[in-house]
Amino acid sequence: QVSLDGTEALHDQIRGEGAFAKAIEA
């Protein structure tokens, strides 16, 4: 299970800059 909490801007706001790209990559 990969955590994804929103579109890029909001996911990165919640988890930290660059986190969205890493989640998609994973």
PDB file of all heavy atoms in Angstrom:
ATOM      1  N   GLN A   1       0.840  -1.190   0.000  1.00  0.00           N
ATOM      2  CA  GLN A   1       0.000   0.000   0.000  1.00  0.00           C
ATOM      3  C   GLN A   1       0.880   1.246   0.000  1.00  0.00           C
ATOM      4  O   GLN A   1       1.760   1.389   0.850  1.00  0.00           O
ATOM      5  CB  GLN A   1      -0.882  -0.028   1.250  1.00  0.00           C
ATOM      6  CG  GLN A   1      -1.747   1.187   1.466  1.00  0.00           C
ATOM      7  CD  GLN A   1      -2.638   1.011   2.680  1.00  0.00           C
ATOM      8  OE1 GLN A   1      -3.666   0.341   2.612  1.00  0.00           O
ATOM      9  NE2 GLN A   1      -2.253   1.582   3.808  1.00  0.00           N
ATOM     10  N   VAL A   2       0.655   2.128  -0.974  1.00  0.00           N
ATOM     11  CA  VAL A   2       1.412   3.374  -1.061  1.00  0.00           C
ATOM     12  C   VAL A   2       0.497   4.530  -0.673  1.00  0.00           C
ATOM     13  O   VAL A   2      -0.609   4.667  -1.215  1.00  0.00           O
ATOM     14  CB  VAL A   2       1.973   3.597  -2.475  1.00  0.00           C
ATOM     15  CG1 VAL A   2       2.788   4.894  -2.528  1.00  0.00           C
ATOM     16  CG2 VAL A   2       2.844   2.413  -2.895  1.00  0.00           C
ATOM     17  N   SER A   3       0.946   5.348   0.253  1.00  0.00           N
ATOM     18  CA  SER A   3       0.138   6.473   0.722  1.00  0.00           C
ATOM     19  C   SER A   3       0.156   7.606  -0.288  1.00  0.00           C
ATOM     20  O   SER A   3       1.218   8.030  -0.752  1.00  0.00           O
ATOM     21  CB  SER A   3       0.675   6.981   2.068  1.00  0.00           C
ATOM     22  OG  SER A   3       0.615   5.971   3.046  1.00  0.00           O
ATOM     23  N   LEU A   4      -1.038   8.103  -0.623  1.00  0.00           N
ATOM     24  CA  LEU A   4      -1.176   9.214  -1.558  1.00  0.00           C
ATOM     25  C   LEU A   4      -2.358  10.053  -1.092  1.00  0.00           C
ATOM     26  O   LEU A   4      -3.505   9.621  -1.169  1.00  0.00           O
ATOM     27  CB  LEU A   4      -1.406   8.682  -2.977  1.00  0.00           C
ATOM     28  CG  LEU A   4      -1.076   9.604  -4.143  1.00  0.00           C
ATOM     29  CD1 LEU A   4       0.379  10.049  -4.101  1.00  0.00           C
ATOM     30  CD2 LEU A   4      -1.369   8.913  -5.468  1.00  0.00           C
ATOM     31  N   ASP A   5      -2.064  11.245  -0.598  1.00  0.00           N
ATOM     32  CA  ASP A   5      -3.081  12.039   0.089  1.00  0.00           C
ATOM     33  C   ASP A   5      -3.543  13.271  -0.666  1.00  0.00           C
ATOM     34  O   ASP A   5      -4.094  14.197  -0.059  1.00  0.00           O
ATOM     35  CB  ASP A   5      -2.566  12.453   1.470  1.00  0.00           C
ATOM     36  CG  ASP A   5      -2.409  11.269   2.400  1.00  0.00           C
ATOM     37  OD1 ASP A   5      -3.213  10.324   2.301  1.00  0.00           O
ATOM     38  OD2 ASP A   5      -1.479  11.271   3.218  1.00  0.00           O
ATOM     39  N   GLY A   6      -3.352  13.282  -1.976  1.00  0.00           N
ATOM     40  CA  GLY A   6      -3.839  14.409  -2.751  1.00  0.00           C
ATOM     41  C   GLY A   6      -3.034  14.603  -4.014  1.00  0.00           C
ATOM     42  O   GLY A   6      -2.123  13.826  -4.317  1.00  0.00           O
ATOM     43  N   THR A   7      -3.396  15.633  -4.743  1.00  0.00           N
ATOM     44  CA  THR A   7      -2.618  16.010  -5.906  1.00  0.00           C
ATOM     45  C   THR A   7      -1.258  16.528  -5.432  1.00  0.00           C
ATOM     46  O   THR A   7      -1.039  16.692  -4.223  1.00  0.00           O
ATOM     47  CB  THR A   7      -3.362  17.089  -6.704  1.00  0.00           C
ATOM     48  OG1 THR A   7      -3.777  18.135  -5.801  1.00  0.00           O
ATOM     49  CG2 THR A   7      -4.617  16.511  -7.363  1.00  0.00           C
ATOM     50  N   GLU A   8      -0.352  16.781  -6.361  1.00  0.00           N
ATOM     51  CA  GLU A   8       1.037  17.019  -5.980  1.00  0.00           C
ATOM     52  C   GLU A   8       1.221  18.111  -4.937  1.00  0.00           C
ATOM     53  O   GLU A   8       1.910  17.907  -3.926  1.00  0.00           O
ATOM     54  CB  GLU A   8       1.867  17.338  -7.228  1.00  0.00           C
ATOM     55  CG  GLU A   8       3.350  17.494  -6.922  1.00  0.00           C
ATOM     56  CD  GLU A   8       4.206  17.522  -8.172  1.00  0.00           C
ATOM     57  OE1 GLU A   8       3.642  17.593  -9.288  1.00  0.00           O
ATOM     58  OE2 GLU A   8       5.442  17.465  -8.035  1.00  0.00           O
ATOM     59  N   ALA A   9       0.615  19.270  -5.150  1.00  0.00           N
ATOM     60  CA  ALA A   9       0.829  20.389  -4.233  1.00  0.00           C
ATOM     61  C   ALA A   9       0.343  20.063  -2.826  1.00  0.00           C
ATOM     62  O   ALA A   9       1.034  20.334  -1.831  1.00  0.00           O
ATOM     63  CB  ALA A   9       0.128  21.639  -4.756  1.00  0.00           C
ATOM     64  N   LEU A  10      -0.834  19.448  -2.725  1.00  0.00           N
ATOM     65  CA  LEU A  10      -1.391  19.172  -1.404  1.00  0.00           C
ATOM     66  C   LEU A  10      -0.699  17.992  -0.735  1.00  0.00           C
ATOM     67  O   LEU A  10      -0.430  18.017   0.475  1.00  0.00           O
ATOM     68  CB  LEU A  10      -2.892  18.906  -1.518  1.00  0.00           C
ATOM     69  CG  LEU A  10      -3.677  18.893  -0.200  1.00  0.00           C
ATOM     70  CD1 LEU A  10      -3.334  20.111   0.652  1.00  0.00           C
ATOM     71  CD2 LEU A  10      -5.167  18.855  -0.476  1.00  0.00           C
ATOM     72  N   HIS A  11      -0.388  16.964  -1.506  1.00  0.00           N
ATOM     73  CA  HIS A  11       0.346  15.818  -0.937  1.00  0.00           C
ATOM     74  C   HIS A  11       1.683  16.283  -0.375  1.00  0.00           C
ATOM     75  O   HIS A  11       2.079  15.874   0.721  1.00  0.00           O
ATOM     76  CB  HIS A  11       0.567  14.760  -2.021  1.00  0.00           C
ATOM     77  CG  HIS A  11       1.269  13.537  -1.525  1.00  0.00           C
ATOM     78  ND1 HIS A  11       0.607  12.475  -0.933  1.00  0.00           N
ATOM     79  CD2 HIS A  11       2.588  13.197  -1.519  1.00  0.00           C
ATOM     80  CE1 HIS A  11       1.480  11.535  -0.593  1.00  0.00           C
ATOM     81  NE2 HIS A  11       2.688  11.949  -0.948  1.00  0.00           N
ATOM     82  N   ASP A  12       2.378  17.131  -1.109  1.00  0.00           N
ATOM     83  CA  ASP A  12       3.676  17.635  -0.635  1.00  0.00           C
ATOM     84  C   ASP A  12       3.507  18.548   0.577  1.00  0.00           C
ATOM     85  O   ASP A  12       4.390  18.608   1.443  1.00  0.00           O
ATOM     86  CB  ASP A  12       4.401  18.378  -1.753  1.00  0.00           C
ATOM     87  CG  ASP A  12       5.009  17.427  -2.780  1.00  0.00           C
ATOM     88  OD1 ASP A  12       4.808  16.204  -2.658  1.00  0.00           O
ATOM     89  OD2 ASP A  12       5.677  17.918  -3.718  1.00  0.00           O
ATOM     90  N   GLN A  13       2.388  19.256   0.652  1.00  0.00           N
ATOM     91  CA  GLN A  13       2.117  20.085   1.826  1.00  0.00           C
ATOM     92  C   GLN A  13       1.933  19.212   3.068  1.00  0.00           C
ATOM     93  O   GLN A  13       2.388  19.557   4.162  1.00  0.00           O
ATOM     94  CB  GLN A  13       0.855  20.921   1.598  1.00  0.00           C
ATOM     95  CG  GLN A  13       0.504  21.853   2.743  1.00  0.00           C
ATOM     96  CD  GLN A  13      -0.774  22.643   2.487  1.00  0.00           C
ATOM     97  OE1 GLN A  13      -1.242  22.756   1.347  1.00  0.00           O
ATOM     98  NE2 GLN A  13      -1.360  23.192   3.529  1.00  0.00           N
ATOM     99  N   ILE A  14       1.307  18.073   2.889  1.00  0.00           N
ATOM    100  CA  ILE A  14       1.043  17.159   3.997  1.00  0.00           C
ATOM    101  C   ILE A  14       2.287  16.377   4.391  1.00  0.00           C
ATOM    102  O   ILE A  14       2.565  16.183   5.577  1.00  0.00           O
ATOM    103  CB  ILE A  14      -0.093  16.184   3.612  1.00  0.00           C
ATOM    104  CG1 ILE A  14      -1.412  16.948   3.462  1.00  0.00           C
ATOM    105  CG2 ILE A  14      -0.237  15.067   4.646  1.00  0.00           C
ATOM    106  CD1 ILE A  14      -2.529  16.130   2.835  1.00  0.00           C
ATOM    107  N   ARG A  15       3.075  15.942   3.391  1.00  0.00           N
ATOM    108  CA  ARG A  15       4.155  14.985   3.655  1.00  0.00           C
ATOM    109  C   ARG A  15       5.566  15.531   3.415  1.00  0.00           C
ATOM    110  O   ARG A  15       6.536  14.927   3.872  1.00  0.00           O
ATOM    111  CB  ARG A  15       3.936  13.731   2.806  1.00  0.00           C
ATOM    112  CG  ARG A  15       2.697  12.969   3.229  1.00  0.00           C
ATOM    113  CD  ARG A  15       2.462  11.719   2.408  1.00  0.00           C
ATOM    114  NE  ARG A  15       1.318  10.986   2.905  1.00  0.00           N
ATOM    115  CZ  ARG A  15       1.365   9.993   3.797  1.00  0.00           C
ATOM    116  NH1 ARG A  15       2.529   9.594   4.264  1.00  0.00           N
ATOM    117  NH2 ARG A  15       0.270   9.386   4.210  1.00  0.00           N
ATOM    118  N   GLY A  16       5.678  16.620   2.692  1.00  0.00           N
ATOM    119  CA  GLY A  16       6.997  17.177   2.439  1.00  0.00           C
ATOM    120  C   GLY A  16       7.284  17.296   0.948  1.00  0.00           C
ATOM    121  O   GLY A  16       6.793  16.502   0.143  1.00  0.00           O
ATOM    122  N   GLU A  17       8.087  18.278   0.586  1.00  0.00           N
ATOM    123  CA  GLU A  17       8.374  18.547  -0.819  1.00  0.00           C
ATOM    124  C   GLU A  17       9.003  17.327  -1.500  1.00  0.00           C
ATOM    125  O   GLU A  17       9.927  16.709  -0.981  1.00  0.00           O
ATOM    126  CB  GLU A  17       9.325  19.739  -0.937  1.00  0.00           C
ATOM    127  CG  GLU A  17       9.584  20.181  -2.363  1.00  0.00           C
ATOM    128  CD  GLU A  17      10.472  21.412  -2.446  1.00  0.00           C
ATOM    129  OE1 GLU A  17      10.797  21.984  -1.386  1.00  0.00           O
ATOM    130  OE2 GLU A  17      10.829  21.792  -3.577  1.00  0.00           O
ATOM    131  N   GLY A  18       8.471  16.984  -2.660  1.00  0.00           N
ATOM    132  CA  GLY A  18       8.981  15.868  -3.430  1.00  0.00           C
ATOM    133  C   GLY A  18       8.328  14.535  -3.105  1.00  0.00           C
ATOM    134  O   GLY A  18       8.576  13.535  -3.782  1.00  0.00           O
ATOM    135  N   ALA A  19       7.471  14.508  -2.070  1.00  0.00           N
ATOM    136  CA  ALA A  19       6.868  13.245  -1.629  1.00  0.00           C
ATOM    137  C   ALA A  19       5.902  12.669  -2.667  1.00  0.00           C
ATOM    138  O   ALA A  19       5.800  11.443  -2.811  1.00  0.00           O
ATOM    139  CB  ALA A  19       6.150  13.446  -0.299  1.00  0.00           C
ATOM    140  N   PHE A  20       5.197  13.546  -3.383  1.00  0.00           N
ATOM    141  CA  PHE A  20       4.241  13.055  -4.385  1.00  0.00           C
ATOM    142  C   PHE A  20       4.971  12.303  -5.491  1.00  0.00           C
ATOM    143  O   PHE A  20       4.568  11.194  -5.879  1.00  0.00           O
ATOM    144  CB  PHE A  20       3.456  14.231  -4.975  1.00  0.00           C
ATOM    145  CG  PHE A  20       2.447  13.830  -6.020  1.00  0.00           C
ATOM    146  CD1 PHE A  20       1.170  13.433  -5.651  1.00  0.00           C
ATOM    147  CD2 PHE A  20       2.769  13.864  -7.366  1.00  0.00           C
ATOM    148  CE1 PHE A  20       0.227  13.063  -6.611  1.00  0.00           C
ATOM    149  CE2 PHE A  20       1.839  13.503  -8.333  1.00  0.00           C
ATOM    150  CZ  PHE A  20       0.564  13.098  -7.956  1.00  0.00           C
ATOM    151  N   ALA A  21       6.037  12.887  -5.991  1.00  0.00           N
ATOM    152  CA  ALA A  21       6.793  12.247  -7.071  1.00  0.00           C
ATOM    153  C   ALA A  21       7.342  10.895  -6.624  1.00  0.00           C
ATOM    154  O   ALA A  21       7.335   9.926  -7.392  1.00  0.00           O
ATOM    155  CB  ALA A  21       7.934  13.160  -7.518  1.00  0.00           C
ATOM    156  N   LYS A  22       7.808  10.818  -5.385  1.00  0.00           N
ATOM    157  CA  LYS A  22       8.334   9.557  -4.865  1.00  0.00           C
ATOM    158  C   LYS A  22       7.234   8.507  -4.712  1.00  0.00           C
ATOM    159  O   LYS A  22       7.461   7.313  -4.946  1.00  0.00           O
ATOM    160  CB  LYS A  22       9.026   9.782  -3.518  1.00  0.00           C
ATOM    161  CG  LYS A  22      10.406  10.398  -3.637  1.00  0.00           C
ATOM    162  CD  LYS A  22      11.374   9.437  -4.339  1.00  0.00           C
ATOM    163  CE  LYS A  22      12.780   9.979  -4.390  1.00  0.00           C
ATOM    164  NZ  LYS A  22      13.714   9.058  -5.100  1.00  0.00           N
ATOM    165  N   ALA A  23       6.044   8.943  -4.322  1.00  0.00           N
ATOM    166  CA  ALA A  23       4.928   8.006  -4.183  1.00  0.00           C
ATOM    167  C   ALA A  23       4.523   7.442  -5.540  1.00  0.00           C
ATOM    168  O   ALA A  23       4.302   6.233  -5.677  1.00  0.00           O
ATOM    169  CB  ALA A  23       3.744   8.707  -3.513  1.00  0.00           C
ATOM    170  N   ILE A  24       4.432   8.303  -6.547  1.00  0.00           N
ATOM    171  CA  ILE A  24       4.079   7.847  -7.898  1.00  0.00           C
ATOM    172  C   ILE A  24       5.148   6.891  -8.423  1.00  0.00           C
ATOM    173  O   ILE A  24       4.843   5.841  -9.012  1.00  0.00           O
ATOM    174  CB  ILE A  24       3.914   9.038  -8.852  1.00  0.00           C
ATOM    175  CG1 ILE A  24       2.746   9.937  -8.403  1.00  0.00           C
ATOM    176  CG2 ILE A  24       3.700   8.546 -10.277  1.00  0.00           C
ATOM    177  CD1 ILE A  24       1.392   9.265  -8.431  1.00  0.00           C
ATOM    178  N   GLU A  25       6.390   7.243  -8.200  1.00  0.00           N
ATOM    179  CA  GLU A  25       7.508   6.386  -8.627  1.00  0.00           C
ATOM    180  C   GLU A  25       7.419   5.012  -7.957  1.00  0.00           C
ATOM    181  O   GLU A  25       7.648   3.978  -8.591  1.00  0.00           O
ATOM    182  CB  GLU A  25       8.825   7.070  -8.250  1.00  0.00           C
ATOM    183  CG  GLU A  25      10.077   6.320  -8.642  1.00  0.00           C
ATOM    184  CD  GLU A  25      11.331   7.049  -8.192  1.00  0.00           C
ATOM    185  OE1 GLU A  25      11.408   8.279  -8.385  1.00  0.00           O
ATOM    186  OE2 GLU A  25      12.229   6.395  -7.628  1.00  0.00           O
ATOM    187  N   ALA A  26       7.069   5.003  -6.663  1.00  0.00           N
ATOM    188  CA  ALA A  26       6.964   3.746  -5.928  1.00  0.00           C
ATOM    189  C   ALA A  26       5.807   2.893  -6.438  1.00  0.00           C
ATOM    190  O   ALA A  26       5.927   1.667  -6.547  1.00  0.00           O
ATOM    191  CB  ALA A  26       6.780   4.029  -4.436  1.00  0.00           C
TER     192      ALA A  26
END
